[in-house]
Amino acid sequence: MTYIVNDACVKCKYQDCVSVCPVDCFYVGPNMLVINPDECIDCGVCEPECPADAIVSDYKMSDDTRYWLDINTQYSKIWPNIRERGAAPADADQWNPKLNPAVGDKKDKFEP
């Protein structure tokens, strides 16, 4: 098992999760973070830190969201590693599905 980042992170990119990860398995892209599933130790400390609830266990994922496991695997190999929390985008709260449920699915907003 591993944890992954799903579309709730797209355009939010809060990065609270980065500061608690004991193995530095987060990677940063243009508008979201991903977790390298081979580096993740399945400790789960990052999951409650995400204000958008974008971090989930692959054990808990539905078939529909398994797509994000592939995204995390692929892009963690090419995006740079992030070890320190940076600033979230100025409009992150607007894109947070917990704060703004109207945002809905953000697969089409993902930027590789």
C-alpha atoms as a PDB file:
ATOM      1  CA  MET A   1       0.000   0.000   0.000  1.00  0.00           C
ATOM      2  CA  THR A   2       0.952   3.599  -0.494  1.00  0.00           C
ATOM      3  CA  TYR A   3      -0.569   7.039  -0.287  1.00  0.00           C
ATOM      4  CA  ILE A   4      -1.247   9.078  -3.401  1.00  0.00           C
ATOM      5  CA  VAL A   5      -2.332  12.604  -4.258  1.00  0.00           C
ATOM      6  CA  ASN A   6      -5.553  12.926  -6.246  1.00  0.00           C
ATOM      7  CA  ASP A   7      -7.253  15.688  -8.229  1.00  0.00           C
ATOM      8  CA  ALA A   8      -8.296  17.583  -5.084  1.00  0.00           C
ATOM      9  CA  CYS A   9      -4.701  18.918  -5.049  1.00  0.00           C
ATOM     10  CA  VAL A  10      -4.886  20.315  -8.575  1.00  0.00           C
ATOM     11  CA  LYS A  11      -4.598  24.119  -8.413  1.00  0.00           C
ATOM     12  CA  CYS A  12      -4.556  24.006  -4.569  1.00  0.00           C
ATOM     13  CA  LYS A  13      -1.015  22.728  -3.978  1.00  0.00           C
ATOM     14  CA  TYR A  14      -1.044  23.705  -0.291  1.00  0.00           C
ATOM     15  CA  GLN A  15       2.136  21.732   0.556  1.00  0.00           C
ATOM     16  CA  ASP A  16       1.325  21.241   4.266  1.00  0.00           C
ATOM     17  CA  CYS A  17       1.997  17.536   3.673  1.00  0.00           C
ATOM     18  CA  VAL A  18       5.593  18.114   2.613  1.00  0.00           C
ATOM     19  CA  SER A  19       6.771  19.356   6.005  1.00  0.00           C
ATOM     20  CA  VAL A  20       5.619  16.200   7.843  1.00  0.00           C
ATOM     21  CA  CYS A  21       6.813  13.531   5.411  1.00  0.00           C
ATOM     22  CA  PRO A  22       9.635  11.549   7.060  1.00  0.00           C
ATOM     23  CA  VAL A  23      10.976  10.187   3.754  1.00  0.00           C
ATOM     24  CA  ASP A  24      10.664  13.212   1.432  1.00  0.00           C
ATOM     25  CA  CYS A  25       8.564  11.354  -1.149  1.00  0.00           C
ATOM     26  CA  PHE A  26       6.684  14.375  -2.538  1.00  0.00           C
ATOM     27  CA  TYR A  27       7.346  15.796  -5.977  1.00  0.00           C
ATOM     28  CA  VAL A  28       6.118  19.130  -7.307  1.00  0.00           C
ATOM     29  CA  GLY A  29       4.581  19.860 -10.677  1.00  0.00           C
ATOM     30  CA  PRO A  30       3.066  22.930 -12.298  1.00  0.00           C
ATOM     31  CA  ASN A  31      -0.202  22.801 -10.367  1.00  0.00           C
ATOM     32  CA  MET A  32      -0.125  19.858  -7.957  1.00  0.00           C
ATOM     33  CA  LEU A  33       2.058  17.549  -5.898  1.00  0.00           C
ATOM     34  CA  VAL A  34       2.485  13.799  -6.291  1.00  0.00           C
ATOM     35  CA  ILE A  35       3.875  11.041  -4.059  1.00  0.00           C
ATOM     36  CA  ASN A  36       6.386   8.495  -5.274  1.00  0.00           C
ATOM     37  CA  PRO A  37       4.650   5.203  -4.363  1.00  0.00           C
ATOM     38  CA  ASP A  38       7.987   3.362  -4.227  1.00  0.00           C
ATOM     39  CA  GLU A  39       9.360   5.799  -1.631  1.00  0.00           C
ATOM     40  CA  CYS A  40       6.221   6.203   0.484  1.00  0.00           C
ATOM     41  CA  ILE A  41       6.409   4.135   3.678  1.00  0.00           C
ATOM     42  CA  ASP A  42       2.636   4.202   4.201  1.00  0.00           C
ATOM     43  CA  CYS A  43       2.921   6.006   7.541  1.00  0.00           C
ATOM     44  CA  GLY A  44      -0.085   8.230   6.814  1.00  0.00           C
ATOM     45  CA  VAL A  45       1.168  11.356   8.591  1.00  0.00           C
ATOM     46  CA  CYS A  46       0.611  13.434   5.461  1.00  0.00           C
ATOM     47  CA  GLU A  47      -3.055  12.519   4.978  1.00  0.00           C
ATOM     48  CA  PRO A  48      -4.577  14.633   7.784  1.00  0.00           C
ATOM     49  CA  GLU A  49      -2.315  17.588   6.933  1.00  0.00           C
ATOM     50  CA  CYS A  50      -3.916  18.230   3.547  1.00  0.00           C
ATOM     51  CA  PRO A  51      -6.536  21.008   3.750  1.00  0.00           C
ATOM     52  CA  ALA A  52      -8.139  19.708   0.527  1.00  0.00           C
ATOM     53  CA  ASP A  53      -8.248  16.014   1.545  1.00  0.00           C
ATOM     54  CA  ALA A  54      -6.237  15.236  -1.583  1.00  0.00           C
ATOM     55  CA  ILE A  55      -4.108  12.491  -0.024  1.00  0.00           C
ATOM     56  CA  VAL A  56      -5.595   9.006   0.119  1.00  0.00           C
ATOM     57  CA  SER A  57      -4.391   5.476   0.615  1.00  0.00           C
ATOM     58  CA  ASP A  58      -4.410   3.372  -2.530  1.00  0.00           C
ATOM     59  CA  TYR A  59      -6.177   0.777  -0.405  1.00  0.00           C
ATOM     60  CA  LYS A  60      -9.139   3.132   0.051  1.00  0.00           C
ATOM     61  CA  MET A  61      -9.349   4.300  -3.568  1.00  0.00           C
ATOM     62  CA  SER A  62     -12.243   3.476  -5.825  1.00  0.00           C
ATOM     63  CA  ASP A  63     -11.601   2.059  -9.278  1.00  0.00           C
ATOM     64  CA  ASP A  64     -12.316   5.491 -10.734  1.00  0.00           C
ATOM     65  CA  THR A  65      -9.512   7.166  -8.786  1.00  0.00           C
ATOM     66  CA  ARG A  66      -6.874   4.502  -9.494  1.00  0.00           C
ATOM     67  CA  TYR A  67      -6.022   6.821 -12.362  1.00  0.00           C
ATOM     68  CA  TRP A  68      -4.200   9.009  -9.822  1.00  0.00           C
ATOM     69  CA  LEU A  69      -1.930   6.179  -8.721  1.00  0.00           C
ATOM     70  CA  ASP A  70      -0.624   6.055 -12.297  1.00  0.00           C
ATOM     71  CA  ILE A  71      -0.217   9.851 -12.351  1.00  0.00           C
ATOM     72  CA  ASN A  72       1.721   9.783  -9.053  1.00  0.00           C
ATOM     73  CA  THR A  73       3.940   6.946 -10.274  1.00  0.00           C
ATOM     74  CA  GLN A  74       4.674   8.566 -13.630  1.00  0.00           C
ATOM     75  CA  TYR A  75       5.266  12.163 -12.561  1.00  0.00           C
ATOM     76  CA  SER A  76       7.215  11.435  -9.383  1.00  0.00           C
ATOM     77  CA  LYS A  77       9.899  10.092 -11.705  1.00  0.00           C
ATOM     78  CA  ILE A  78      10.242  13.332 -13.674  1.00  0.00           C
ATOM     79  CA  TRP A  79       9.162  16.213 -11.419  1.00  0.00           C
ATOM     80  CA  PRO A  80      11.592  17.668  -8.841  1.00  0.00           C
ATOM     81  CA  ASN A  81      11.540  16.451  -5.264  1.00  0.00           C
ATOM     82  CA  ILE A  82      10.176  18.922  -2.713  1.00  0.00           C
ATOM     83  CA  ARG A  83      11.418  18.756   0.884  1.00  0.00           C
ATOM     84  CA  GLU A  84      10.200  22.034   2.352  1.00  0.00           C
ATOM     85  CA  ARG A  85       6.786  23.582   2.363  1.00  0.00           C
ATOM     86  CA  GLY A  86       6.402  26.455  -0.044  1.00  0.00           C
ATOM     87  CA  ALA A  87       3.641  28.974  -0.514  1.00  0.00           C
ATOM     88  CA  ALA A  88       0.305  27.812  -1.883  1.00  0.00           C
ATOM     89  CA  PRO A  89      -1.101  29.627  -4.906  1.00  0.00           C
ATOM     90  CA  ALA A  90      -2.995  32.805  -4.019  1.00  0.00           C
ATOM     91  CA  ASP A  91      -6.264  31.286  -5.280  1.00  0.00           C
ATOM     92  CA  ALA A  92      -5.786  27.863  -3.618  1.00  0.00           C
ATOM     93  CA  ASP A  93      -8.863  28.193  -1.395  1.00  0.00           C
ATOM     94  CA  GLN A  94     -10.995  28.924  -4.448  1.00  0.00           C
ATOM     95  CA  TRP A  95      -9.941  25.537  -5.922  1.00  0.00           C
ATOM     96  CA  ASN A  96     -10.237  23.574  -2.661  1.00  0.00           C
ATOM     97  CA  PRO A  97     -13.158  21.146  -3.093  1.00  0.00           C
ATOM     98  CA  LYS A  98     -13.724  21.080   0.677  1.00  0.00           C
ATOM     99  CA  LEU A  99     -14.263  24.840   0.762  1.00  0.00           C
ATOM    100  CA  ASN A 100     -15.882  25.128  -2.653  1.00  0.00           C
ATOM    101  CA  PRO A 101     -17.740  21.909  -3.584  1.00  0.00           C
ATOM    102  CA  ALA A 102     -18.799  23.456  -6.899  1.00  0.00           C
ATOM    103  CA  VAL A 103     -15.215  22.921  -8.131  1.00  0.00           C
ATOM    104  CA  GLY A 104     -15.969  19.221  -8.678  1.00  0.00           C
ATOM    105  CA  ASP A 105     -13.627  16.870 -10.521  1.00  0.00           C
ATOM    106  CA  LYS A 106     -10.420  18.618 -11.605  1.00  0.00           C
ATOM    107  CA  LYS A 107      -8.872  15.978 -13.894  1.00  0.00           C
ATOM    108  CA  ASP A 108      -9.166  18.369 -16.816  1.00  0.00           C
ATOM    109  CA  LYS A 109      -7.212  21.026 -14.881  1.00  0.00           C
ATOM    110  CA  PHE A 110      -4.165  18.779 -14.327  1.00  0.00           C
ATOM    111  CA  GLU A 111      -1.007  20.148 -15.969  1.00  0.00           C
ATOM    112  CA  PRO A 112       1.820  17.638 -16.565  1.00  0.00           C
END
